[in-house]
Structures are given as C-alpha cells and as structure tokens.
Amino acid sequence: RHNSNKELIGQGIANMVTPLFGGIPATGAIARTATNIKNGAVS
C-alpha cells in the first residue's frame, strides 16, 4: 500500500527541483515501475 499524500509531496519536491537543473516535468512511470518490480526491487 502506498501513501498517496506522501507520494504527491515527493512528486511536488521533484518537480520543484528538476526545473532548476533544466529538467522537464516528471511523474511516476507505470511501465518503468512495473519493470522495477519484475526485476526484484525491494525498496
């Protein structure tokens, strides 16, 4: 089970910092997250 409010906080921090280094907006990537799990990620 994920913490939806904490997830939004994490997304917010990432999108506030990333533009300062020239990066574009980001979010959770479903395909890469699924790949992460299938390859044995623990944390």
PDB file of all heavy atoms in Angstrom:
ATOM      1  N   ARG A   1       0.842  -1.195   0.000  1.00  0.00           N
ATOM      2  CA  ARG A   1       0.000   0.000   0.000  1.00  0.00           C
ATOM      3  C   ARG A   1       0.875   1.243   0.000  1.00  0.00           C
ATOM      4  O   ARG A   1       1.823   1.340   0.789  1.00  0.00           O
ATOM      5  CB  ARG A   1      -0.917   0.029   1.239  1.00  0.00           C
ATOM      6  CG  ARG A   1      -2.014  -1.008   1.211  1.00  0.00           C
ATOM      7  CD  ARG A   1      -3.005  -0.770   2.336  1.00  0.00           C
ATOM      8  NE  ARG A   1      -3.704   0.499   2.161  1.00  0.00           N
ATOM      9  CZ  ARG A   1      -4.593   0.976   3.030  1.00  0.00           C
ATOM     10  NH1 ARG A   1      -4.853   0.308   4.145  1.00  0.00           N
ATOM     11  NH2 ARG A   1      -5.183   2.131   2.815  1.00  0.00           N
ATOM     12  N   HIS A   2       0.565   2.165  -0.893  1.00  0.00           N
ATOM     13  CA  HIS A   2       1.327   3.408  -0.947  1.00  0.00           C
ATOM     14  C   HIS A   2       0.618   4.493  -0.141  1.00  0.00           C
ATOM     15  O   HIS A   2      -0.571   4.374   0.165  1.00  0.00           O
ATOM     16  CB  HIS A   2       1.501   3.875  -2.396  1.00  0.00           C
ATOM     17  CG  HIS A   2       0.235   4.422  -3.004  1.00  0.00           C
ATOM     18  ND1 HIS A   2      -0.775   3.616  -3.490  1.00  0.00           N
ATOM     19  CD2 HIS A   2      -0.191   5.706  -3.197  1.00  0.00           C
ATOM     20  CE1 HIS A   2      -1.756   4.366  -3.957  1.00  0.00           C
ATOM     21  NE2 HIS A   2      -1.434   5.640  -3.793  1.00  0.00           N
ATOM     22  N   ASN A   3       1.343   5.539   0.181  1.00  0.00           N
ATOM     23  CA  ASN A   3       0.782   6.712   0.861  1.00  0.00           C
ATOM     24  C   ASN A   3       0.569   7.784  -0.198  1.00  0.00           C
ATOM     25  O   ASN A   3       1.516   8.397  -0.673  1.00  0.00           O
ATOM     26  CB  ASN A   3       1.749   7.194   1.942  1.00  0.00           C
ATOM     27  CG  ASN A   3       1.190   8.343   2.754  1.00  0.00           C
ATOM     28  OD1 ASN A   3       0.503   9.220   2.227  1.00  0.00           O
ATOM     29  ND2 ASN A   3       1.481   8.361   4.039  1.00  0.00           N
ATOM     30  N   SER A   4      -0.694   7.988  -0.591  1.00  0.00           N
ATOM     31  CA  SER A   4      -0.988   8.877  -1.715  1.00  0.00           C
ATOM     32  C   SER A   4      -0.576  10.320  -1.446  1.00  0.00           C
ATOM     33  O   SER A   4      -0.057  11.004  -2.337  1.00  0.00           O
ATOM     34  CB  SER A   4      -2.473   8.814  -2.074  1.00  0.00           C
ATOM     35  OG  SER A   4      -3.272   9.190  -0.965  1.00  0.00           O
ATOM     36  N   ASN A   5      -0.779  10.802  -0.236  1.00  0.00           N
ATOM     37  CA  ASN A   5      -0.416  12.186   0.073  1.00  0.00           C
ATOM     38  C   ASN A   5       1.101  12.376   0.088  1.00  0.00           C
ATOM     39  O   ASN A   5       1.624  13.372  -0.412  1.00  0.00           O
ATOM     40  CB  ASN A   5      -1.019  12.605   1.416  1.00  0.00           C
ATOM     41  CG  ASN A   5      -2.528  12.656   1.377  1.00  0.00           C
ATOM     42  OD1 ASN A   5      -3.119  13.210   0.458  1.00  0.00           O
ATOM     43  ND2 ASN A   5      -3.167  12.034   2.346  1.00  0.00           N
ATOM     44  N   LYS A   6       1.813  11.407   0.642  1.00  0.00           N
ATOM     45  CA  LYS A   6       3.273  11.479   0.638  1.00  0.00           C
ATOM     46  C   LYS A   6       3.813  11.367  -0.786  1.00  0.00           C
ATOM     47  O   LYS A   6       4.814  11.995  -1.129  1.00  0.00           O
ATOM     48  CB  LYS A   6       3.850  10.371   1.515  1.00  0.00           C
ATOM     49  CG  LYS A   6       5.348  10.516   1.738  1.00  0.00           C
ATOM     50  CD  LYS A   6       5.890   9.432   2.652  1.00  0.00           C
ATOM     51  CE  LYS A   6       7.398   9.582   2.797  1.00  0.00           C
ATOM     52  NZ  LYS A   6       7.987   8.473   3.591  1.00  0.00           N
ATOM     53  N   GLU A   7       3.132  10.575  -1.598  1.00  0.00           N
ATOM     54  CA  GLU A   7       3.547  10.445  -2.997  1.00  0.00           C
ATOM     55  C   GLU A   7       3.433  11.795  -3.711  1.00  0.00           C
ATOM     56  O   GLU A   7       4.318  12.183  -4.476  1.00  0.00           O
ATOM     57  CB  GLU A   7       2.686   9.402  -3.706  1.00  0.00           C
ATOM     58  CG  GLU A   7       3.049   9.163  -5.167  1.00  0.00           C
ATOM     59  CD  GLU A   7       4.450   8.628  -5.351  1.00  0.00           C
ATOM     60  OE1 GLU A   7       4.985   7.961  -4.451  1.00  0.00           O
ATOM     61  OE2 GLU A   7       5.035   8.906  -6.419  1.00  0.00           O
ATOM     62  N   LEU A   8       2.360  12.520  -3.458  1.00  0.00           N
ATOM     63  CA  LEU A   8       2.196  13.844  -4.070  1.00  0.00           C
ATOM     64  C   LEU A   8       3.260  14.812  -3.561  1.00  0.00           C
ATOM     65  O   LEU A   8       3.750  15.655  -4.326  1.00  0.00           O
ATOM     66  CB  LEU A   8       0.800  14.395  -3.775  1.00  0.00           C
ATOM     67  CG  LEU A   8      -0.370  13.688  -4.471  1.00  0.00           C
ATOM     68  CD1 LEU A   8      -1.686  14.353  -4.100  1.00  0.00           C
ATOM     69  CD2 LEU A   8      -0.194  13.692  -5.984  1.00  0.00           C
ATOM     70  N   ILE A   9       3.600  14.696  -2.301  1.00  0.00           N
ATOM     71  CA  ILE A   9       4.666  15.552  -1.750  1.00  0.00           C
ATOM     72  C   ILE A   9       5.983  15.256  -2.464  1.00  0.00           C
ATOM     73  O   ILE A   9       6.719  16.171  -2.863  1.00  0.00           O
ATOM     74  CB  ILE A   9       4.807  15.333  -0.228  1.00  0.00           C
ATOM     75  CG1 ILE A   9       3.578  15.910   0.504  1.00  0.00           C
ATOM     76  CG2 ILE A   9       6.083  15.975   0.304  1.00  0.00           C
ATOM     77  CD1 ILE A   9       3.548  15.611   1.986  1.00  0.00           C
ATOM     78  N   GLY A  10       6.287  13.975  -2.639  1.00  0.00           N
ATOM     79  CA  GLY A  10       7.505  13.597  -3.350  1.00  0.00           C
ATOM     80  C   GLY A  10       7.507  14.091  -4.782  1.00  0.00           C
ATOM     81  O   GLY A  10       8.519  14.615  -5.281  1.00  0.00           O
ATOM     82  N   GLN A  11       6.370  13.965  -5.447  1.00  0.00           N
ATOM     83  CA  GLN A  11       6.249  14.458  -6.822  1.00  0.00           C
ATOM     84  C   GLN A  11       6.421  15.981  -6.863  1.00  0.00           C
ATOM     85  O   GLN A  11       7.024  16.534  -7.794  1.00  0.00           O
ATOM     86  CB  GLN A  11       4.884  14.075  -7.400  1.00  0.00           C
ATOM     87  CG  GLN A  11       4.633  12.585  -7.542  1.00  0.00           C
ATOM     88  CD  GLN A  11       5.420  11.956  -8.661  1.00  0.00           C
ATOM     89  OE1 GLN A  11       5.832  12.629  -9.606  1.00  0.00           O
ATOM     90  NE2 GLN A  11       5.643  10.655  -8.584  1.00  0.00           N
ATOM     91  N   GLY A  12       5.863  16.650  -5.853  1.00  0.00           N
ATOM     92  CA  GLY A  12       5.977  18.103  -5.803  1.00  0.00           C
ATOM     93  C   GLY A  12       7.410  18.561  -5.624  1.00  0.00           C
ATOM     94  O   GLY A  12       7.882  19.461  -6.319  1.00  0.00           O
ATOM     95  N   ILE A  13       8.125  17.933  -4.681  1.00  0.00           N
ATOM     96  CA  ILE A  13       9.532  18.294  -4.449  1.00  0.00           C
ATOM     97  C   ILE A  13      10.352  18.059  -5.707  1.00  0.00           C
ATOM     98  O   ILE A  13      11.160  18.907  -6.114  1.00  0.00           O
ATOM     99  CB  ILE A  13      10.098  17.472  -3.273  1.00  0.00           C
ATOM    100  CG1 ILE A  13       9.424  17.885  -1.957  1.00  0.00           C
ATOM    101  CG2 ILE A  13      11.616  17.646  -3.169  1.00  0.00           C
ATOM    102  CD1 ILE A  13       9.776  17.004  -0.775  1.00  0.00           C
ATOM    103  N   ALA A  14      10.140  16.908  -6.354  1.00  0.00           N
ATOM    104  CA  ALA A  14      10.892  16.580  -7.567  1.00  0.00           C
ATOM    105  C   ALA A  14      10.649  17.597  -8.673  1.00  0.00           C
ATOM    106  O   ALA A  14      11.582  18.028  -9.360  1.00  0.00           O
ATOM    107  CB  ALA A  14      10.518  15.176  -8.046  1.00  0.00           C
ATOM    108  N   ASN A  15       9.401  18.006  -8.845  1.00  0.00           N
ATOM    109  CA  ASN A  15       9.081  18.942  -9.921  1.00  0.00           C
ATOM    110  C   ASN A  15       9.449  20.385  -9.580  1.00  0.00           C
ATOM    111  O   ASN A  15       9.481  21.238 -10.473  1.00  0.00           O
ATOM    112  CB  ASN A  15       7.599  18.837 -10.280  1.00  0.00           C
ATOM    113  CG  ASN A  15       7.308  17.646 -11.177  1.00  0.00           C
ATOM    114  OD1 ASN A  15       7.606  17.664 -12.366  1.00  0.00           O
ATOM    115  ND2 ASN A  15       6.751  16.595 -10.591  1.00  0.00           N
ATOM    116  N   MET A  16       9.709  20.667  -8.317  1.00  0.00           N
ATOM    117  CA  MET A  16      10.223  21.990  -7.953  1.00  0.00           C
ATOM    118  C   MET A  16      11.728  22.074  -8.168  1.00  0.00           C
ATOM    119  O   MET A  16      12.253  23.118  -8.556  1.00  0.00           O
ATOM    120  CB  MET A  16       9.888  22.291  -6.486  1.00  0.00           C
ATOM    121  CG  MET A  16       8.411  22.550  -6.222  1.00  0.00           C
ATOM    122  SD  MET A  16       8.024  22.649  -4.450  1.00  0.00           S
ATOM    123  CE  MET A  16       8.961  24.104  -3.985  1.00  0.00           C
ATOM    124  N   VAL A  17      12.428  20.974  -7.931  1.00  0.00           N
ATOM    125  CA  VAL A  17      13.889  20.971  -8.037  1.00  0.00           C
ATOM    126  C   VAL A  17      14.357  20.731  -9.472  1.00  0.00           C
ATOM    127  O   VAL A  17      15.297  21.381  -9.943  1.00  0.00           O
ATOM    128  CB  VAL A  17      14.492  19.904  -7.099  1.00  0.00           C
ATOM    129  CG1 VAL A  17      16.002  19.811  -7.283  1.00  0.00           C
ATOM    130  CG2 VAL A  17      14.137  20.209  -5.652  1.00  0.00           C
ATOM    131  N   THR A  18      13.697  19.822 -10.178  1.00  0.00           N
ATOM    132  CA  THR A  18      14.134  19.434 -11.531  1.00  0.00           C
ATOM    133  C   THR A  18      14.272  20.621 -12.491  1.00  0.00           C
ATOM    134  O   THR A  18      15.266  20.713 -13.225  1.00  0.00           O
ATOM    135  CB  THR A  18      13.180  18.382 -12.113  1.00  0.00           C
ATOM    136  OG1 THR A  18      13.159  17.236 -11.251  1.00  0.00           O
ATOM    137  CG2 THR A  18      13.621  17.942 -13.497  1.00  0.00           C
ATOM    138  N   PRO A  19      13.313  21.565 -12.541  1.00  0.00           N
ATOM    139  CA  PRO A  19      13.464  22.699 -13.460  1.00  0.00           C
ATOM    140  C   PRO A  19      14.702  23.554 -13.173  1.00  0.00           C
ATOM    141  O   PRO A  19      15.220  24.216 -14.083  1.00  0.00           O
ATOM    142  CB  PRO A  19      12.180  23.513 -13.242  1.00  0.00           C
ATOM    143  CG  PRO A  19      11.201  22.542 -12.689  1.00  0.00           C
ATOM    144  CD  PRO A  19      12.008  21.603 -11.857  1.00  0.00           C
ATOM    145  N   LEU A  20      15.167  23.545 -11.951  1.00  0.00           N
ATOM    146  CA  LEU A  20      16.348  24.327 -11.593  1.00  0.00           C
ATOM    147  C   LEU A  20      17.608  23.767 -12.250  1.00  0.00           C
ATOM    148  O   LEU A  20      18.641  24.442 -12.315  1.00  0.00           O
ATOM    149  CB  LEU A  20      16.520  24.361 -10.072  1.00  0.00           C
ATOM    150  CG  LEU A  20      15.326  24.899  -9.271  1.00  0.00           C
ATOM    151  CD1 LEU A  20      15.640  24.883  -7.781  1.00  0.00           C
ATOM    152  CD2 LEU A  20      14.946  26.303  -9.722  1.00  0.00           C
ATOM    153  N   PHE A  21      17.527  22.536 -12.739  1.00  0.00           N
ATOM    154  CA  PHE A  21      18.638  21.906 -13.449  1.00  0.00           C
ATOM    155  C   PHE A  21      18.304  21.679 -14.926  1.00  0.00           C
ATOM    156  O   PHE A  21      18.941  20.873 -15.599  1.00  0.00           O
ATOM    157  CB  PHE A  21      19.004  20.580 -12.790  1.00  0.00           C
ATOM    158  CG  PHE A  21      19.578  20.744 -11.412  1.00  0.00           C
ATOM    159  CD1 PHE A  21      18.774  20.683 -10.286  1.00  0.00           C
ATOM    160  CD2 PHE A  21      20.940  20.988 -11.239  1.00  0.00           C
ATOM    161  CE1 PHE A  21      19.294  20.847  -9.018  1.00  0.00           C
ATOM    162  CE2 PHE A  21      21.479  21.159  -9.964  1.00  0.00           C
ATOM    163  CZ  PHE A  21      20.656  21.094  -8.855  1.00  0.00           C
ATOM    164  N   GLY A  22      17.288  22.405 -15.396  1.00  0.00           N
ATOM    165  CA  GLY A  22      16.938  22.322 -16.814  1.00  0.00           C
ATOM    166  C   GLY A  22      16.022  21.181 -17.177  1.00  0.00           C
ATOM    167  O   GLY A  22      15.738  20.960 -18.359  1.00  0.00           O
ATOM    168  N   GLY A  23      15.537  20.421 -16.193  1.00  0.00           N
ATOM    169  CA  GLY A  23      14.693  19.264 -16.474  1.00  0.00           C
ATOM    170  C   GLY A  23      13.244  19.631 -16.712  1.00  0.00           C
ATOM    171  O   GLY A  23      12.757  20.683 -16.294  1.00  0.00           O
ATOM    172  N   ILE A  24      12.540  18.751 -17.408  1.00  0.00           N
ATOM    173  CA  ILE A  24      11.122  18.946 -17.707  1.00  0.00           C
ATOM    174  C   ILE A  24      10.272  18.269 -16.628  1.00  0.00           C
ATOM    175  O   ILE A  24      10.787  17.495 -15.825  1.00  0.00           O
ATOM    176  CB  ILE A  24      10.782  18.386 -19.108  1.00  0.00           C
ATOM    177  CG1 ILE A  24      11.097  16.885 -19.175  1.00  0.00           C
ATOM    178  CG2 ILE A  24      11.557  19.146 -20.175  1.00  0.00           C
ATOM    179  CD1 ILE A  24      10.794  16.235 -20.522  1.00  0.00           C
ATOM    180  N   PRO A  25       8.968  18.535 -16.581  1.00  0.00           N
ATOM    181  CA  PRO A  25       8.115  17.913 -15.563  1.00  0.00           C
ATOM    182  C   PRO A  25       8.182  16.389 -15.598  1.00  0.00           C
ATOM    183  O   PRO A  25       8.351  15.775 -16.651  1.00  0.00           O
ATOM    184  CB  PRO A  25       6.717  18.415 -15.932  1.00  0.00           C
ATOM    185  CG  PRO A  25       6.964  19.753 -16.550  1.00  0.00           C
ATOM    186  CD  PRO A  25       8.236  19.574 -17.343  1.00  0.00           C
ATOM    187  N   ALA A  26       8.043  15.799 -14.422  1.00  0.00           N
ATOM    188  CA  ALA A  26       8.157  14.341 -14.280  1.00  0.00           C
ATOM    189  C   ALA A  26       6.998  13.807 -13.453  1.00  0.00           C
ATOM    190  O   ALA A  26       6.317  14.553 -12.743  1.00  0.00           O
ATOM    191  CB  ALA A  26       9.476  13.986 -13.607  1.00  0.00           C
ATOM    192  N   THR A  27       6.796  12.515 -13.558  1.00  0.00           N
ATOM    193  CA  THR A  27       5.769  11.847 -12.764  1.00  0.00           C
ATOM    194  C   THR A  27       6.132  10.381 -12.639  1.00  0.00           C
ATOM    195  O   THR A  27       7.162   9.939 -13.154  1.00  0.00           O
ATOM    196  CB  THR A  27       4.374  12.010 -13.410  1.00  0.00           C
ATOM    197  OG1 THR A  27       3.382  11.444 -12.559  1.00  0.00           O
ATOM    198  CG2 THR A  27       4.311  11.315 -14.771  1.00  0.00           C
ATOM    199  N   GLY A  28       5.285   9.604 -11.978  1.00  0.00           N
ATOM    200  CA  GLY A  28       5.514   8.170 -11.874  1.00  0.00           C
ATOM    201  C   GLY A  28       5.304   7.511 -13.226  1.00  0.00           C
ATOM    202  O   GLY A  28       4.332   7.798 -13.923  1.00  0.00           O
ATOM    203  N   ALA A  29       6.229   6.644 -13.600  1.00  0.00           N
ATOM    204  CA  ALA A  29       6.173   5.959 -14.897  1.00  0.00           C
ATOM    205  C   ALA A  29       5.703   4.527 -14.688  1.00  0.00           C
ATOM    206  O   ALA A  29       6.410   3.719 -14.080  1.00  0.00           O
ATOM    207  CB  ALA A  29       7.536   5.985 -15.562  1.00  0.00           C
ATOM    208  N   ILE A  30       4.519   4.208 -15.180  1.00  0.00           N
ATOM    209  CA  ILE A  30       3.913   2.899 -14.919  1.00  0.00           C
ATOM    210  C   ILE A  30       4.777   1.764 -15.466  1.00  0.00           C
ATOM    211  O   ILE A  30       5.047   0.777 -14.773  1.00  0.00           O
ATOM    212  CB  ILE A  30       2.497   2.833 -15.519  1.00  0.00           C
ATOM    213  CG1 ILE A  30       1.581   3.846 -14.821  1.00  0.00           C
ATOM    214  CG2 ILE A  30       1.921   1.424 -15.395  1.00  0.00           C
ATOM    215  CD1 ILE A  30       0.184   3.924 -15.392  1.00  0.00           C
ATOM    216  N   ALA A  31       5.225   1.883 -16.728  1.00  0.00           N
ATOM    217  CA  ALA A  31       5.993   0.798 -17.348  1.00  0.00           C
ATOM    218  C   ALA A  31       7.318   0.570 -16.627  1.00  0.00           C
ATOM    219  O   ALA A  31       7.716  -0.577 -16.360  1.00  0.00           O
ATOM    220  CB  ALA A  31       6.232   1.108 -18.826  1.00  0.00           C
ATOM    221  N   ARG A  32       8.020   1.665 -16.293  1.00  0.00           N
ATOM    222  CA  ARG A  32       9.303   1.519 -15.603  1.00  0.00           C
ATOM    223  C   ARG A  32       9.120   1.025 -14.166  1.00  0.00           C
ATOM    224  O   ARG A  32       9.934   0.266 -13.650  1.00  0.00           O
ATOM    225  CB  ARG A  32      10.050   2.855 -15.621  1.00  0.00           C
ATOM    226  CG  ARG A  32      10.870   3.073 -16.887  1.00  0.00           C
ATOM    227  CD  ARG A  32      11.249   4.522 -17.075  1.00  0.00           C
ATOM    228  NE  ARG A  32      10.154   5.265 -17.702  1.00  0.00           N
ATOM    229  CZ  ARG A  32      10.120   6.583 -17.807  1.00  0.00           C
ATOM    230  NH1 ARG A  32      11.091   7.317 -17.293  1.00  0.00           N
ATOM    231  NH2 ARG A  32       9.106   7.178 -18.401  1.00  0.00           N
ATOM    232  N   THR A  33       8.024   1.443 -13.527  1.00  0.00           N
ATOM    233  CA  THR A  33       7.741   0.944 -12.182  1.00  0.00           C
ATOM    234  C   THR A  33       7.462  -0.559 -12.212  1.00  0.00           C
ATOM    235  O   THR A  33       7.953  -1.308 -11.361  1.00  0.00           O
ATOM    236  CB  THR A  33       6.527   1.683 -11.585  1.00  0.00           C
ATOM    237  OG1 THR A  33       6.833   3.092 -11.491  1.00  0.00           O
ATOM    238  CG2 THR A  33       6.186   1.164 -10.201  1.00  0.00           C
ATOM    239  N   ALA A  34       6.679  -1.007 -13.205  1.00  0.00           N
ATOM    240  CA  ALA A  34       6.391  -2.437 -13.342  1.00  0.00           C
ATOM    241  C   ALA A  34       7.676  -3.224 -13.618  1.00  0.00           C
ATOM    242  O   ALA A  34       7.889  -4.313 -13.074  1.00  0.00           O
ATOM    243  CB  ALA A  34       5.376  -2.663 -14.461  1.00  0.00           C
ATOM    244  N   THR A  35       8.544  -2.662 -14.465  1.00  0.00           N
ATOM    245  CA  THR A  35       9.824  -3.310 -14.755  1.00  0.00           C
ATOM    246  C   THR A  35      10.681  -3.406 -13.496  1.00  0.00           C
ATOM    247  O   THR A  35      11.351  -4.421 -13.255  1.00  0.00           O
ATOM    248  CB  THR A  35      10.587  -2.518 -15.834  1.00  0.00           C
ATOM    249  OG1 THR A  35       9.776  -2.443 -17.021  1.00  0.00           O
ATOM    250  CG2 THR A  35      11.905  -3.183 -16.175  1.00  0.00           C
ATOM    251  N   ASN A  36      10.654  -2.371 -12.693  1.00  0.00           N
ATOM    252  CA  ASN A  36      11.393  -2.341 -11.438  1.00  0.00           C
ATOM    253  C   ASN A  36      10.959  -3.488 -10.527  1.00  0.00           C
ATOM    254  O   ASN A  36      11.784  -4.205  -9.947  1.00  0.00           O
ATOM    255  CB  ASN A  36      11.154  -0.994 -10.753  1.00  0.00           C
ATOM    256  CG  ASN A  36      12.000  -0.783  -9.518  1.00  0.00           C
ATOM    257  OD1 ASN A  36      13.169  -1.139  -9.479  1.00  0.00           O
ATOM    258  ND2 ASN A  36      11.402  -0.199  -8.487  1.00  0.00           N
ATOM    259  N   ILE A  37       9.642  -3.689 -10.441  1.00  0.00           N
ATOM    260  CA  ILE A  37       9.100  -4.753  -9.587  1.00  0.00           C
ATOM    261  C   ILE A  37       9.454  -6.135 -10.141  1.00  0.00           C
ATOM    262  O   ILE A  37       9.884  -7.030  -9.410  1.00  0.00           O
ATOM    263  CB  ILE A  37       7.573  -4.594  -9.462  1.00  0.00           C
ATOM    264  CG1 ILE A  37       7.238  -3.300  -8.698  1.00  0.00           C
ATOM    265  CG2 ILE A  37       6.954  -5.799  -8.762  1.00  0.00           C
ATOM    266  CD1 ILE A  37       5.783  -2.917  -8.739  1.00  0.00           C
ATOM    267  N   LYS A  38       9.283  -6.292 -11.460  1.00  0.00           N
ATOM    268  CA  LYS A  38       9.536  -7.603 -12.081  1.00  0.00           C
ATOM    269  C   LYS A  38      10.998  -8.025 -11.960  1.00  0.00           C
ATOM    270  O   LYS A  38      11.301  -9.214 -12.017  1.00  0.00           O
ATOM    271  CB  LYS A  38       9.130  -7.558 -13.552  1.00  0.00           C
ATOM    272  CG  LYS A  38       7.625  -7.479 -13.770  1.00  0.00           C
ATOM    273  CD  LYS A  38       7.281  -7.366 -15.242  1.00  0.00           C
ATOM    274  CE  LYS A  38       5.773  -7.255 -15.449  1.00  0.00           C
ATOM    275  NZ  LYS A  38       5.438  -7.106 -16.890  1.00  0.00           N
ATOM    276  N   ASN A  39      11.888  -7.055 -11.799  1.00  0.00           N
ATOM    277  CA  ASN A  39      13.304  -7.382 -11.694  1.00  0.00           C
ATOM    278  C   ASN A  39      13.788  -7.477 -10.252  1.00  0.00           C
ATOM    279  O   ASN A  39      14.986  -7.458  -9.999  1.00  0.00           O
ATOM    280  CB  ASN A  39      14.135  -6.366 -12.476  1.00  0.00           C
ATOM    281  CG  ASN A  39      14.074  -6.614 -13.972  1.00  0.00           C
ATOM    282  OD1 ASN A  39      14.750  -7.490 -14.501  1.00  0.00           O
ATOM    283  ND2 ASN A  39      13.220  -5.849 -14.669  1.00  0.00           N
ATOM    284  N   GLY A  40      12.832  -7.557  -9.325  1.00  0.00           N
ATOM    285  CA  GLY A  40      13.180  -7.888  -7.956  1.00  0.00           C
ATOM    286  C   GLY A  40      13.410  -6.740  -7.003  1.00  0.00           C
ATOM    287  O   GLY A  40      13.997  -6.928  -5.926  1.00  0.00           O
ATOM    288  N   ALA A  41      12.964  -5.528  -7.340  1.00  0.00           N
ATOM    289  CA  ALA A  41      13.150  -4.386  -6.442  1.00  0.00           C
ATOM    290  C   ALA A  41      12.506  -4.660  -5.084  1.00  0.00           C
ATOM    291  O   ALA A  41      11.453  -5.290  -4.992  1.00  0.00           O
ATOM    292  CB  ALA A  41      12.558  -3.127  -7.050  1.00  0.00           C
ATOM    293  N   VAL A  42      13.141  -4.176  -4.036  1.00  0.00           N
ATOM    294  CA  VAL A  42      12.660  -4.408  -2.682  1.00  0.00           C
ATOM    295  C   VAL A  42      12.257  -3.102  -1.995  1.00  0.00           C
ATOM    296  O   VAL A  42      11.376  -3.089  -1.137  1.00  0.00           O
ATOM    297  CB  VAL A  42      13.739  -5.120  -1.836  1.00  0.00           C
ATOM    298  CG1 VAL A  42      13.260  -5.363  -0.415  1.00  0.00           C
ATOM    299  CG2 VAL A  42      14.146  -6.430  -2.496  1.00  0.00           C
ATOM    300  N   SER A  43      12.882  -1.990  -2.405  1.00  0.00           N
ATOM    301  CA  SER A  43      12.658  -0.718  -1.714  1.00  0.00           C
ATOM    302  C   SER A  43      12.881   0.457  -2.670  1.00  0.00           C
ATOM    303  O   SER A  43      13.271   0.261  -3.827  1.00  0.00           O
ATOM    304  CB  SER A  43      13.628  -0.602  -0.534  1.00  0.00           C
ATOM    305  OG  SER A  43      14.933  -0.308  -1.016  1.00  0.00           O
TER     306      SER A  43
END
